[in-house]
Amino acid sequence: MLLKISNTLNSISNIRSHIRADLWLLFVTFVWGASFPLVKIGLENSSPFLFLSIRFFLGGLLLYLFMLIRKIPVQWQLYRKALPLGIFLFIGMQLQTVGLKYTEASKSAFITGLCVVFVPILVVFIEKKKPKKASVIGVILATIGIYIFANPLSGQWNRGDLFTLLGAVSFAFEIILVEMLVKQGESESIALFTILFTAAFAMIGSIFFEKTFIHPSYSLMFSLGFVALFCTALGFQMQMYWQPKTTATAAGVIYTTEPVFAALFAMWLLQETLAPKAWLGAGLIMSGMLIAELRK
């Protein structure tokens, strides 16, 4: 009897833990949604590689200062775990950033959301783990919602859309690797190294692969400051901390709400408009997330 009670209490505790993790990931996704129009604004005054390198160097510095204030030691040996995360994060962020020069902020966010399609597929091959039925249903609904939202048949895709789609594949790998590599007590150090690796790769790209330019302006400084603090330092640290407390597939479904938040911010900041049918897609995305939430 006591064993049954203990198991029940542990089960309730685990459910509460995964709900807290999912809610915090939803908050992170809300913040990331704001980054799409802000990055597009910032790219008017900076080349893509340079913008990305400054964003992540500032984000790394802010996270390091946070660790110093909280007296959280840097676990230097964890750079090995952070390296593959930094590689896939850099590839995804760079493709997304370059893509934003050629496509709308809201459309970029919806195409990025397609990473939810790739996560459960990659989980099967990489982790040899079969997704739960509720998660699969959530993925299907969210994917349909993203397709309706993006409406790719309404016009020709441009190269920005293609870059963004390839970036979504890289983000899917990063989501899975976070679940596989990050353990309890490692989130801050791994987030710090991942951010700094991304910054270093972007700086190398700026030196060798683009005609670098930057025009200081209030809009550029605000864009860089917001995405460095909230979307990079805070966002990725929280991702590293909370995502291991849920599943990669569930996290992928939660991340599909990013296009909805991005569209709302794009409407506000860039006056981008959404067709009435797009709201149906938003409803399906949210439905997919809620169904995945009920997986336990």
Protein backbone atom coordinates (compact mmCIF):
# COMPACT_ATOMS: atom_id res chain seq x y z
CA MET A 1 0.00 0.00 0.00
CA LEU A 2 2.74 2.43 0.98
CA LEU A 3 4.62 1.52 -2.19
CA LYS A 4 1.55 2.36 -4.31
CA ILE A 5 1.14 5.70 -2.54
CA SER A 6 4.83 6.47 -3.05
CA ASN A 7 4.62 5.60 -6.75
CA THR A 8 1.50 7.76 -7.13
CA LEU A 9 3.20 10.74 -5.46
CA ASN A 10 6.28 10.29 -7.65
CA SER A 11 4.05 10.15 -10.73
CA ILE A 12 2.28 13.39 -9.73
CA SER A 13 5.65 15.03 -9.09
CA ASN A 14 6.92 13.97 -12.53
CA ILE A 15 3.79 15.31 -14.23
CA ARG A 16 4.14 18.65 -12.45
CA SER A 17 7.81 18.78 -13.44
CA HIS A 18 7.11 18.23 -17.14
CA ILE A 19 4.25 20.79 -17.08
CA ARG A 20 6.59 23.39 -15.55
CA ALA A 21 9.23 22.58 -18.14
CA ASP A 22 6.74 22.90 -20.99
CA LEU A 23 5.39 26.22 -19.69
CA TRP A 24 8.88 27.70 -19.39
CA LEU A 25 9.71 26.48 -22.89
CA LEU A 26 6.53 28.15 -24.10
CA PHE A 27 7.74 31.42 -22.55
CA VAL A 28 11.12 31.00 -24.27
CA THR A 29 9.30 30.42 -27.56
CA PHE A 30 7.31 33.63 -27.01
CA VAL A 31 10.57 35.56 -26.60
CA TRP A 32 12.13 33.90 -29.64
CA GLY A 33 9.06 34.86 -31.66
CA ALA A 34 9.90 38.52 -31.08
CA SER A 35 13.36 38.00 -32.56
CA PHE A 36 12.16 37.52 -36.16
CA PRO A 37 10.97 41.07 -36.87
CA LEU A 38 13.73 42.53 -34.68
CA VAL A 39 16.45 40.65 -36.57
CA LYS A 40 14.92 41.74 -39.88
CA ILE A 41 15.05 45.36 -38.65
CA GLY A 42 18.66 44.89 -37.52
CA LEU A 43 19.73 43.45 -40.88
CA GLU A 44 18.89 46.76 -42.53
CA ASN A 45 22.03 48.13 -40.87
CA SER A 46 24.34 45.11 -40.62
CA SER A 47 25.57 42.18 -42.69
CA PRO A 48 24.13 38.80 -41.53
CA PHE A 49 27.28 37.04 -40.26
CA LEU A 50 28.45 40.14 -38.39
CA PHE A 51 25.01 40.70 -36.84
CA LEU A 52 24.92 37.09 -35.66
CA SER A 53 28.44 37.18 -34.21
CA ILE A 54 27.78 40.41 -32.25
CA ARG A 55 24.45 39.03 -31.02
CA PHE A 56 25.99 35.84 -29.67
CA PHE A 57 29.15 37.45 -28.25
CA LEU A 58 26.95 39.89 -26.31
CA GLY A 59 24.66 37.04 -25.27
CA GLY A 60 27.63 35.01 -24.04
CA LEU A 61 28.99 37.96 -22.08
CA LEU A 62 25.62 38.59 -20.43
CA LEU A 63 25.22 34.92 -19.50
CA TYR A 64 28.76 34.83 -18.07
CA LEU A 65 27.99 37.93 -15.93
CA PHE A 66 24.81 36.22 -14.73
CA MET A 67 26.84 33.17 -13.73
CA LEU A 68 29.34 35.34 -11.86
CA ILE A 69 26.58 37.13 -9.95
CA ARG A 70 24.90 33.82 -9.06
CA LYS A 71 28.32 32.28 -8.27
CA ILE A 72 27.74 29.46 -10.76
CA PRO A 73 31.13 27.95 -11.70
CA VAL A 74 32.03 27.42 -15.35
CA GLN A 75 32.50 23.69 -15.98
CA TRP A 76 35.21 23.95 -18.63
CA GLN A 77 35.15 20.26 -19.52
CA LEU A 78 31.61 20.64 -20.89
CA TYR A 79 32.83 22.45 -23.99
CA ARG A 80 32.97 19.03 -25.67
CA LYS A 81 29.22 18.63 -25.27
CA ALA A 82 28.60 22.21 -26.39
CA LEU A 83 30.59 21.90 -29.63
CA PRO A 84 28.04 19.85 -31.62
CA LEU A 85 25.24 21.99 -30.21
CA GLY A 86 27.12 25.11 -31.32
CA ILE A 87 27.64 23.70 -34.81
CA PHE A 88 23.97 22.93 -35.43
CA LEU A 89 22.80 26.12 -33.70
CA PHE A 90 25.17 28.20 -35.85
CA ILE A 91 24.05 26.51 -39.07
CA GLY A 92 20.40 26.97 -38.19
CA MET A 93 20.76 30.58 -37.00
CA GLN A 94 22.90 31.61 -39.95
CA LEU A 95 20.57 30.11 -42.54
CA GLN A 96 17.60 31.69 -40.77
CA THR A 97 19.33 35.08 -40.51
CA VAL A 98 20.38 35.13 -44.16
CA GLY A 99 16.91 33.96 -45.15
CA LEU A 100 15.34 36.92 -43.34
CA LYS A 101 17.00 39.25 -45.85
CA TYR A 102 14.87 37.77 -48.64
CA THR A 103 11.57 36.75 -47.02
CA GLU A 104 8.97 38.10 -44.60
CA ALA A 105 9.55 37.74 -40.85
CA SER A 106 6.26 35.90 -40.28
CA LYS A 107 6.87 33.49 -43.19
CA SER A 108 10.41 32.80 -41.96
CA ALA A 109 9.03 31.88 -38.54
CA PHE A 110 6.49 29.47 -39.98
CA ILE A 111 9.05 27.71 -42.15
CA THR A 112 11.39 27.46 -39.15
CA GLY A 113 8.50 25.84 -37.29
CA LEU A 114 8.72 22.91 -39.69
CA CYS A 115 11.53 21.59 -37.48
CA VAL A 116 8.68 19.92 -35.56
CA VAL A 117 8.26 17.60 -38.55
CA PHE A 118 11.90 16.56 -38.50
CA VAL A 119 12.30 16.03 -34.72
CA PRO A 120 10.24 12.80 -34.32
CA ILE A 121 11.68 11.43 -37.57
CA LEU A 122 15.25 12.03 -36.41
CA VAL A 123 14.43 10.68 -32.92
CA VAL A 124 13.50 7.32 -34.50
CA PHE A 125 16.84 7.06 -36.32
CA ILE A 126 19.18 8.66 -33.77
CA GLU A 127 17.75 7.55 -30.40
CA LYS A 128 15.94 4.41 -31.64
CA LYS A 129 12.98 5.73 -29.65
CA LYS A 130 9.41 5.42 -30.90
CA PRO A 131 7.37 8.62 -30.37
CA LYS A 132 4.21 8.36 -28.26
CA LYS A 133 0.87 8.47 -30.09
CA ALA A 134 -0.23 11.75 -28.49
CA SER A 135 3.01 13.41 -29.59
CA VAL A 136 2.58 12.09 -33.14
CA ILE A 137 -0.98 13.44 -33.31
CA GLY A 138 0.28 16.76 -31.98
CA VAL A 139 3.00 16.86 -34.61
CA ILE A 140 0.53 16.10 -37.43
CA LEU A 141 -1.88 18.83 -36.33
CA ALA A 142 0.93 21.34 -35.85
CA THR A 143 2.42 20.49 -39.26
CA ILE A 144 -0.92 20.98 -41.00
CA GLY A 145 -1.31 24.24 -39.12
CA ILE A 146 2.12 25.47 -40.23
CA TYR A 147 1.36 24.49 -43.85
CA ILE A 148 -1.90 26.46 -43.81
CA PHE A 149 -0.17 29.36 -42.09
CA ALA A 150 2.75 29.52 -44.55
CA ASN A 151 0.51 28.83 -47.59
CA PRO A 152 3.46 27.89 -49.84
CA LEU A 153 1.26 27.39 -52.92
CA SER A 154 0.14 31.03 -52.89
CA GLY A 155 3.34 32.13 -54.57
CA GLN A 156 6.83 31.04 -55.52
CA TRP A 157 9.28 30.30 -52.77
CA ASN A 158 12.38 32.46 -52.87
CA ARG A 159 15.92 31.61 -51.81
CA GLY A 160 15.24 33.05 -48.37
CA ASP A 161 12.53 30.42 -47.86
CA LEU A 162 14.93 27.65 -48.92
CA PHE A 163 17.66 28.87 -46.56
CA THR A 164 15.12 28.97 -43.73
CA LEU A 165 13.88 25.44 -44.47
CA LEU A 166 17.43 24.05 -44.34
CA GLY A 167 17.90 25.94 -41.07
CA ALA A 168 14.84 24.18 -39.65
CA VAL A 169 16.51 20.80 -40.27
CA SER A 170 19.57 21.98 -38.33
CA PHE A 171 17.40 23.21 -35.44
CA ALA A 172 15.76 19.78 -35.28
CA PHE A 173 19.18 18.18 -34.75
CA GLU A 174 19.96 20.75 -32.05
CA ILE A 175 16.69 20.02 -30.20
CA ILE A 176 17.47 16.30 -30.10
CA LEU A 177 21.08 16.83 -29.03
CA VAL A 178 19.96 19.00 -26.10
CA GLU A 179 17.89 16.09 -24.79
CA MET A 180 20.73 13.61 -25.35
CA LEU A 181 23.66 15.62 -24.00
CA VAL A 182 22.53 18.07 -21.31
CA LYS A 183 22.31 16.70 -17.77
CA GLN A 184 21.12 18.32 -14.55
CA GLY A 185 23.49 21.02 -13.31
CA GLU A 186 25.13 21.49 -16.71
CA SER A 187 22.71 23.92 -18.37
CA GLU A 188 24.51 27.23 -17.71
CA SER A 189 27.96 26.06 -18.77
CA ILE A 190 26.73 24.23 -21.87
CA ALA A 191 24.57 27.22 -22.85
CA LEU A 192 27.57 29.54 -22.40
CA PHE A 193 29.89 27.41 -24.56
CA THR A 194 27.19 26.83 -27.18
CA ILE A 195 26.58 30.57 -27.48
CA LEU A 196 30.31 31.36 -27.70
CA PHE A 197 30.92 28.63 -30.31
CA THR A 198 28.09 30.08 -32.39
CA ALA A 199 29.57 33.57 -32.06
CA ALA A 200 33.03 32.35 -33.11
CA PHE A 201 31.70 30.47 -36.14
CA ALA A 202 29.71 33.54 -37.20
CA MET A 203 32.78 35.78 -36.87
CA ILE A 204 34.80 33.41 -39.06
CA GLY A 205 31.97 33.48 -41.60
CA SER A 206 31.91 37.28 -41.50
CA ILE A 207 35.63 37.46 -42.26
CA PHE A 208 35.68 34.96 -45.12
CA PHE A 209 32.19 34.79 -46.63
CA GLU A 210 30.57 38.21 -46.72
CA LYS A 211 31.17 41.85 -47.47
CA THR A 212 31.01 43.09 -43.90
CA PHE A 213 29.18 46.32 -43.09
CA ILE A 214 27.51 47.91 -40.08
CA HIS A 215 25.70 51.25 -39.76
CA PRO A 216 25.15 52.15 -36.08
CA SER A 217 21.59 53.27 -35.37
CA TYR A 218 19.08 53.22 -32.53
CA SER A 219 17.08 50.47 -34.24
CA LEU A 220 20.20 48.31 -34.64
CA MET A 221 21.28 48.82 -31.01
CA PHE A 222 17.79 48.01 -29.71
CA SER A 223 17.54 44.93 -31.94
CA LEU A 224 20.96 43.63 -30.88
CA GLY A 225 20.35 44.40 -27.21
CA PHE A 226 16.98 42.62 -27.10
CA VAL A 227 18.01 39.48 -28.99
CA ALA A 228 21.34 39.25 -27.14
CA LEU A 229 19.78 39.48 -23.67
CA PHE A 230 16.37 37.84 -23.98
CA CYS A 231 16.61 35.57 -27.03
CA THR A 232 20.22 34.44 -26.60
CA ALA A 233 21.52 34.67 -23.00
CA LEU A 234 18.18 34.07 -21.30
CA GLY A 235 16.51 32.01 -24.02
CA PHE A 236 19.20 29.41 -24.63
CA GLN A 237 20.07 29.03 -20.95
CA MET A 238 16.42 28.29 -20.20
CA GLN A 239 16.24 25.89 -23.14
CA MET A 240 19.26 23.96 -21.84
CA TYR A 241 17.78 23.87 -18.33
CA TRP A 242 14.14 23.01 -19.03
CA GLN A 243 14.14 20.97 -22.23
CA PRO A 244 15.89 17.93 -20.68
CA LYS A 245 12.98 17.79 -18.21
CA THR A 246 10.54 17.01 -21.04
CA THR A 247 10.88 15.08 -24.33
CA ALA A 248 12.42 16.23 -27.63
CA THR A 249 9.17 15.59 -29.51
CA ALA A 250 7.08 17.55 -26.98
CA ALA A 251 9.62 20.39 -27.05
CA GLY A 252 9.44 20.40 -30.85
CA VAL A 253 5.67 20.77 -30.73
CA ILE A 254 5.91 23.61 -28.20
CA TYR A 255 8.39 25.37 -30.47
CA THR A 256 5.75 25.38 -33.23
CA THR A 257 4.03 28.22 -31.38
CA GLU A 258 7.00 30.43 -32.28
CA PRO A 259 5.49 31.31 -35.71
CA VAL A 260 2.27 32.47 -34.05
CA PHE A 261 4.15 34.78 -31.70
CA ALA A 262 6.42 35.94 -34.53
CA ALA A 263 3.41 36.78 -36.71
CA LEU A 264 1.88 38.87 -33.94
CA PHE A 265 5.13 40.77 -33.39
CA ALA A 266 5.57 41.21 -37.17
CA MET A 267 2.07 42.65 -37.43
CA TRP A 268 2.93 45.08 -34.65
CA LEU A 269 6.48 46.08 -35.63
CA LEU A 270 6.51 45.63 -39.42
CA GLN A 271 2.82 45.96 -40.27
CA GLU A 272 2.86 42.54 -41.94
CA THR A 273 -0.67 41.19 -42.42
CA LEU A 274 -2.14 37.69 -42.11
CA ALA A 275 -4.87 36.19 -44.25
CA PRO A 276 -7.99 34.96 -42.41
CA LYS A 277 -7.04 31.36 -43.27
CA ALA A 278 -3.79 31.85 -41.38
CA TRP A 279 -5.68 32.00 -38.12
CA LEU A 280 -7.00 28.49 -38.77
CA GLY A 281 -3.38 27.37 -39.00
CA ALA A 282 -2.66 29.08 -35.69
CA GLY A 283 -5.52 27.19 -34.07
CA LEU A 284 -4.21 23.86 -35.35
CA ILE A 285 -0.72 24.66 -34.08
CA MET A 286 -2.06 25.41 -30.61
CA SER A 287 -4.23 22.27 -30.71
CA GLY A 288 -1.19 20.15 -31.55
CA MET A 289 0.69 21.60 -28.59
CA LEU A 290 -2.18 20.95 -26.19
CA ILE A 291 -2.61 17.35 -27.33
CA ALA A 292 1.12 16.76 -26.84
CA GLU A 293 0.70 18.24 -23.33
CA LEU A 294 -1.81 15.48 -22.50
CA ARG A 295 0.60 12.72 -23.50
CA LYS A 296 0.92 11.53 -19.87
